[in-house]
N, C-alpha and C. Protein backbone atom coordinates (compact mmCIF):
# COMPACT_ATOMS: atom_id res chain seq x y z
N UNK A 1 -12.68 1.25 -6.38
CA UNK A 1 -12.50 -0.28 -6.53
C UNK A 1 -11.01 -0.61 -7.00
N UNK A 2 -10.75 -1.76 -6.16
CA UNK A 2 -9.48 -1.98 -6.04
C UNK A 2 -9.14 -3.04 -7.32
N UNK A 3 -7.60 -2.55 -7.96
CA UNK A 3 -7.79 -3.48 -9.06
C UNK A 3 -6.35 -4.28 -9.07
N UNK A 4 -6.51 -5.28 -9.48
CA UNK A 4 -4.97 -6.24 -9.33
C UNK A 4 -4.94 -6.54 -10.60
N UNK A 5 -5.42 -5.83 -11.49
CA UNK A 5 -5.27 -6.38 -13.17
C UNK A 5 -5.08 -4.71 -13.68
N UNK A 6 -4.90 -4.58 -14.91
CA UNK A 6 -4.98 -3.63 -15.42
C UNK A 6 -3.74 -3.31 -16.52
N UNK A 7 -3.81 -1.80 -16.26
CA UNK A 7 -2.91 -1.07 -16.90
C UNK A 7 -1.78 -0.59 -15.92
N UNK A 8 -0.77 -0.96 -16.28
CA UNK A 8 0.80 -0.58 -15.37
C UNK A 8 2.13 -0.06 -16.30
N UNK A 9 2.59 1.16 -16.00
CA UNK A 9 3.52 1.56 -17.15
C UNK A 9 3.31 2.00 -18.04
N UNK A 10 1.95 2.09 -18.71
CA UNK A 10 1.49 2.17 -20.13
C UNK A 10 1.03 0.99 -20.67
N UNK A 11 1.61 -0.16 -20.44
CA UNK A 11 1.24 -1.39 -21.00
C UNK A 11 -0.04 -2.04 -20.29
N UNK A 12 -0.58 -2.94 -20.91
CA UNK A 12 -1.95 -3.60 -20.79
C UNK A 12 -1.18 -4.88 -19.87
N UNK A 13 -1.85 -5.39 -18.89
CA UNK A 13 -1.42 -6.14 -18.22
C UNK A 13 -2.11 -7.67 -19.02
N UNK A 14 -1.43 -8.73 -18.56
CA UNK A 14 -2.28 -9.64 -18.91
C UNK A 14 -3.73 -10.50 -18.63
N UNK A 15 -4.44 -11.24 -19.13
CA UNK A 15 -5.37 -11.65 -18.58
C UNK A 15 -5.56 -11.94 -17.13
N UNK A 16 -6.60 -11.58 -16.28
CA UNK A 16 -6.39 -11.78 -14.77
C UNK A 16 -6.43 -13.53 -14.56
N UNK A 17 -6.98 -14.25 -15.54
CA UNK A 17 -7.15 -15.75 -14.95
C UNK A 17 -5.42 -16.17 -14.95
N UNK A 18 -4.48 -15.71 -15.70
CA UNK A 18 -3.28 -16.21 -15.87
C UNK A 18 -2.24 -15.41 -14.92
N UNK A 19 -2.61 -14.48 -14.21
CA UNK A 19 -1.78 -13.54 -13.33
C UNK A 19 -2.43 -13.83 -11.89
N UNK A 20 -3.34 -13.84 -11.33
CA UNK A 20 -3.77 -13.55 -10.19
C UNK A 20 -3.62 -14.74 -9.47
N UNK A 21 -3.29 -16.13 -9.74
CA UNK A 21 -2.81 -16.97 -9.12
C UNK A 21 -1.04 -16.94 -8.78
N UNK A 22 -0.44 -16.15 -9.58
CA UNK A 22 0.58 -15.88 -9.06
C UNK A 22 0.90 -14.62 -8.25
N UNK A 23 0.08 -13.82 -7.89
CA UNK A 23 -0.19 -12.73 -6.88
C UNK A 23 -0.41 -13.55 -5.70
N UNK A 24 -1.45 -14.26 -5.91
CA UNK A 24 -1.79 -14.98 -4.48
C UNK A 24 -0.99 -15.55 -4.25
N UNK A 25 -0.11 -16.36 -4.85
CA UNK A 25 0.97 -17.14 -4.14
C UNK A 25 2.04 -16.35 -3.82
N UNK A 26 2.24 -15.16 -4.23
CA UNK A 26 3.42 -14.16 -3.35
C UNK A 26 3.15 -13.81 -2.26
N UNK A 27 1.75 -13.57 -1.82
CA UNK A 27 0.82 -13.22 -0.59
C UNK A 27 0.80 -14.19 0.21
N UNK A 28 0.74 -15.24 -0.20
CA UNK A 28 0.74 -16.72 0.69
C UNK A 28 2.06 -16.88 1.22
N UNK A 29 3.22 -16.69 0.35
CA UNK A 29 4.59 -16.94 0.50
C UNK A 29 4.95 -15.87 1.63
N UNK A 30 4.81 -14.57 1.55
CA UNK A 30 4.73 -13.73 2.41
C UNK A 30 4.32 -13.97 3.63
N UNK A 31 3.00 -14.29 3.69
CA UNK A 31 2.30 -14.58 5.11
C UNK A 31 2.88 -15.90 5.84
N UNK A 32 3.17 -16.58 5.14
CA UNK A 32 3.77 -17.80 5.91
C UNK A 32 5.13 -18.10 6.26
N UNK A 33 6.01 -17.12 5.80
CA UNK A 33 7.12 -16.66 6.12
C UNK A 33 7.37 -15.22 7.11
N UNK A 34 5.95 -14.94 7.67
CA UNK A 34 6.29 -14.04 8.74
C UNK A 34 5.50 -12.70 8.06
N UNK A 35 5.26 -12.51 7.05
CA UNK A 35 4.79 -11.26 6.37
C UNK A 35 5.96 -10.23 5.85
N UNK A 36 7.15 -10.70 6.01
CA UNK A 36 8.12 -9.59 5.57
C UNK A 36 9.26 -10.45 4.99
N UNK A 37 9.55 -10.73 3.81
CA UNK A 37 10.65 -11.23 3.15
C UNK A 37 11.52 -10.15 2.31
N UNK A 38 12.75 -10.38 1.90
CA UNK A 38 13.46 -9.44 1.28
C UNK A 38 13.46 -9.98 -0.39
N UNK A 39 13.58 -8.88 -1.11
CA UNK A 39 13.46 -9.29 -2.66
C UNK A 39 14.17 -10.51 -3.11
N UNK A 40 15.51 -10.91 -2.47
CA UNK A 40 16.11 -11.75 -2.53
C UNK A 40 15.55 -13.33 -2.27
N UNK A 41 14.85 -13.38 -0.86
CA UNK A 41 14.20 -14.33 -0.56
C UNK A 41 12.76 -14.54 -1.29
N UNK A 42 12.43 -13.73 -1.84
CA UNK A 42 11.10 -13.84 -2.62
C UNK A 42 11.45 -14.55 -3.77
N UNK A 43 12.49 -14.04 -4.47
CA UNK A 43 12.76 -14.74 -5.91
C UNK A 43 13.33 -15.81 -6.03
N UNK A 44 13.82 -16.31 -4.94
CA UNK A 44 14.18 -17.70 -4.68
C UNK A 44 13.07 -18.82 -4.45
N UNK A 45 11.85 -18.29 -4.16
CA UNK A 45 10.62 -19.06 -3.50
C UNK A 45 9.78 -19.41 -4.86
N UNK A 46 10.20 -18.63 -6.36
CA UNK A 46 9.30 -18.64 -7.52
C UNK A 46 10.19 -19.07 -8.56
N UNK A 47 9.62 -19.91 -9.41
CA UNK A 47 10.54 -20.46 -10.54
C UNK A 47 10.65 -19.76 -11.85
N UNK A 48 9.48 -18.45 -11.70
CA UNK A 48 9.96 -17.43 -12.94
C UNK A 48 10.74 -16.60 -12.56
N UNK A 49 11.09 -15.54 -13.46
CA UNK A 49 12.41 -15.10 -13.32
C UNK A 49 11.94 -13.78 -12.57
N UNK A 50 12.92 -12.86 -11.48
CA UNK A 50 12.68 -11.79 -10.93
C UNK A 50 12.04 -10.75 -11.34
N UNK A 51 12.04 -10.42 -12.76
CA UNK A 51 11.25 -9.34 -13.21
C UNK A 51 9.86 -9.97 -13.55
N UNK A 52 9.67 -11.12 -13.62
CA UNK A 52 8.04 -11.25 -13.36
C UNK A 52 7.19 -11.13 -12.01
N UNK A 53 8.33 -11.63 -10.97
CA UNK A 53 8.06 -11.49 -9.78
C UNK A 53 7.99 -10.03 -9.56
N UNK A 54 8.55 -9.19 -9.73
CA UNK A 54 9.00 -7.66 -9.66
C UNK A 54 7.46 -6.84 -10.19
N UNK A 55 7.04 -7.50 -11.10
CA UNK A 55 6.10 -6.99 -11.71
C UNK A 55 4.59 -7.28 -10.80
N UNK A 56 4.76 -8.70 -10.53
CA UNK A 56 3.33 -8.87 -9.61
C UNK A 56 3.30 -7.99 -8.63
N UNK A 57 4.58 -7.94 -8.07
CA UNK A 57 4.82 -6.93 -6.52
C UNK A 57 4.25 -5.53 -6.86
N UNK A 58 4.78 -5.10 -8.14
CA UNK A 58 4.12 -3.88 -8.30
C UNK A 58 2.59 -3.68 -8.52
N UNK A 59 1.82 -4.59 -8.96
CA UNK A 59 0.36 -4.68 -9.22
C UNK A 59 0.24 -4.58 -7.47
N UNK A 60 0.67 -5.56 -6.60
CA UNK A 60 0.46 -5.49 -5.26
C UNK A 60 0.83 -4.26 -4.71
N UNK A 61 1.67 -3.59 -4.52
CA UNK A 61 2.08 -2.52 -4.52
C UNK A 61 1.17 -1.15 -4.59
N UNK A 62 0.99 -1.17 -6.10
CA UNK A 62 0.02 -0.23 -6.25
C UNK A 62 -1.61 -0.15 -5.71
N UNK A 63 -1.80 -1.56 -5.57
CA UNK A 63 -3.22 -1.96 -4.83
C UNK A 63 -2.83 -1.57 -2.98
N UNK A 64 -1.64 -1.01 -2.69
CA UNK A 64 -2.00 -1.26 -1.19
C UNK A 64 -1.68 -2.28 -0.43
N UNK A 65 -1.91 -3.38 -0.85
CA UNK A 65 -1.40 -4.60 -0.35
C UNK A 65 -0.41 -5.17 0.28
N UNK A 66 0.96 -4.72 -0.37
CA UNK A 66 2.27 -5.03 0.06
C UNK A 66 2.87 -3.55 0.05
N UNK A 67 3.67 -3.63 0.69
CA UNK A 67 4.37 -2.39 0.98
C UNK A 67 6.18 -2.84 0.72
N UNK A 68 7.28 -1.87 0.54
CA UNK A 68 8.34 -2.07 0.62
C UNK A 68 9.07 -1.19 1.42
N UNK A 69 10.07 -1.55 2.04
CA UNK A 69 10.97 -0.82 2.82
C UNK A 69 12.46 -1.21 2.75
N UNK A 70 13.20 -0.01 2.17
CA UNK A 70 14.55 -0.51 1.60
C UNK A 70 15.57 -0.13 3.09
N UNK A 71 16.34 -1.26 3.30
CA UNK A 71 17.00 -1.15 4.54
C UNK A 71 18.61 -1.64 3.86
N UNK A 72 19.63 -0.35 4.09
CA UNK A 72 20.57 -0.58 3.39
C UNK A 72 20.41 -0.84 1.67
N UNK A 73 20.87 -1.61 1.75
CA UNK A 73 20.80 -1.92 -0.01
C UNK A 73 19.75 -3.36 -0.11
N UNK A 74 18.91 -3.47 0.97
CA UNK A 74 17.68 -4.62 0.60
C UNK A 74 16.73 -4.05 0.61
N UNK A 75 15.71 -4.60 -0.32
CA UNK A 75 14.33 -4.13 -0.12
C UNK A 75 13.47 -5.05 0.51
N UNK A 76 12.77 -4.75 1.50
CA UNK A 76 11.92 -5.61 2.66
C UNK A 76 10.33 -5.52 2.32
N UNK A 77 9.80 -6.62 1.48
CA UNK A 77 8.24 -6.57 1.04
C UNK A 77 7.63 -6.94 2.06
N UNK A 78 6.29 -6.27 2.65
CA UNK A 78 5.61 -6.62 3.94
C UNK A 78 4.18 -6.49 3.40
N UNK A 79 3.34 -7.68 4.04
CA UNK A 79 2.11 -7.56 3.55
C UNK A 79 1.22 -6.61 4.53
N UNK A 80 0.29 -5.62 3.85
CA UNK A 80 -0.29 -4.86 4.73
C UNK A 80 -1.57 -5.52 5.18
N UNK A 81 -1.59 -6.34 6.30
CA UNK A 81 -2.66 -7.27 6.84
C UNK A 81 -3.85 -6.38 6.73
N UNK A 82 -4.01 -5.22 7.40
CA UNK A 82 -4.88 -4.61 7.60
C UNK A 82 -5.83 -4.21 6.27
N UNK A 83 -4.94 -3.71 5.36
CA UNK A 83 -5.89 -3.47 3.97
C UNK A 83 -6.06 -4.51 3.33
N UNK A 84 -5.30 -5.58 3.29
CA UNK A 84 -5.42 -7.13 2.91
C UNK A 84 -6.76 -7.59 3.08
N UNK A 85 -6.97 -7.31 4.95
CA UNK A 85 -8.63 -7.48 5.45
C UNK A 85 -9.64 -6.88 4.88
N UNK A 86 -8.95 -5.50 4.72
CA UNK A 86 -10.43 -4.64 4.39
C UNK A 86 -10.90 -5.16 3.04
N UNK A 87 -9.91 -5.53 2.15
CA UNK A 87 -10.10 -5.91 0.53
C UNK A 87 -10.81 -7.22 0.70
N UNK A 88 -10.43 -8.10 1.47
CA UNK A 88 -10.98 -9.22 1.45
C UNK A 88 -12.73 -9.09 2.23
N UNK A 89 -12.98 -8.30 2.96
CA UNK A 89 -14.17 -8.38 3.94
C UNK A 89 -14.97 -7.38 2.76
N UNK A 90 -14.65 -6.56 1.69
CA UNK A 90 -15.31 -6.32 0.37
C UNK A 90 -15.69 -7.51 -0.36
N UNK A 91 -14.38 -8.06 -0.98
CA UNK A 91 -15.25 -9.15 -1.69
C UNK A 91 -16.24 -9.86 -1.24
N UNK A 92 -16.15 -10.50 0.23
CA UNK A 92 -16.84 -11.52 0.99
C UNK A 92 -17.98 -10.78 0.85
N UNK A 93 -18.44 -9.55 1.14
CA UNK A 93 -19.54 -9.00 1.07
C UNK A 93 -20.46 -8.72 -0.35
N UNK A 94 -19.49 -8.41 -1.14
CA UNK A 94 -20.09 -8.12 -2.52
C UNK A 94 -20.83 -9.56 -3.08
N UNK A 95 -20.07 -10.95 -2.44
CA UNK A 95 -20.35 -12.19 -2.92
C UNK A 95 -21.77 -12.88 -1.93
N UNK A 96 -22.31 -11.72 -1.02
CA UNK A 96 -23.22 -12.32 -0.15
C UNK A 96 -22.61 -12.80 1.14
N UNK A 97 -21.64 -12.44 1.91
CA UNK A 97 -21.00 -13.01 3.20
C UNK A 97 -20.86 -11.75 3.83
N UNK A 98 -21.17 -11.87 5.27
CA UNK A 98 -20.60 -10.29 6.06
C UNK A 98 -19.96 -11.30 7.15
N UNK A 99 -18.67 -10.53 7.26
CA UNK A 99 -17.78 -11.13 8.67
C UNK A 99 -18.28 -10.14 9.83
N UNK A 100 -18.21 -11.15 10.88
CA UNK A 100 -18.95 -10.73 11.95
C UNK A 100 -17.51 -11.00 12.87
N UNK A 101 -17.28 -10.17 14.07
CA UNK A 101 -16.34 -10.09 15.48
C UNK A 101 -16.61 -11.71 15.61
N UNK A 102 -15.32 -12.24 16.36
CA UNK A 102 -15.51 -13.40 16.95
C UNK A 102 -16.39 -13.35 18.13
N UNK A 103 -17.30 -14.35 18.71
CA UNK A 103 -17.93 -14.33 19.75
C UNK A 103 -19.15 -13.68 19.68
N UNK A 104 -19.47 -13.03 18.08
CA UNK A 104 -20.86 -12.67 17.52
C UNK A 104 -22.21 -13.66 17.83
N UNK A 105 -21.47 -14.87 18.14
CA UNK A 105 -22.66 -15.99 18.13
C UNK A 105 -23.38 -16.06 16.84
N UNK A 106 -22.86 -15.79 15.73
CA UNK A 106 -23.61 -16.19 14.67
C UNK A 106 -22.80 -16.62 13.66
C-alpha cells in the first residue's frame, strides 16, 4: 500500500491532516508548470522553508510519485504521471469509483 505519511529517517511524520495538503500543493505546482521544476523554482513557490519542502518531496520520492534528476548542480523534480495515475485509480476504486477509458460509453 502506498504511504504518503509515516516514518522517514527514523522520525515519525506529523499527522496526515497537516501534511497531505502541502504535498498535494507540490504536485499541483509541478503539474501546472509542465511537470518538471528545479529545486530552486519549487522552493520559490512556497512560503515555508526549503527544508520543509524537501521533507515533503522526500515522501513523494519514496512513494514513487515524484522523481529527481541531477543536471549539473541542479536537481530537477518531475511528476511520475503514470505512477500518480495508478495511485489515483487505486484510491478511486477503494471508494467505489471505476475509471473507464474515454469513449467507453458509460
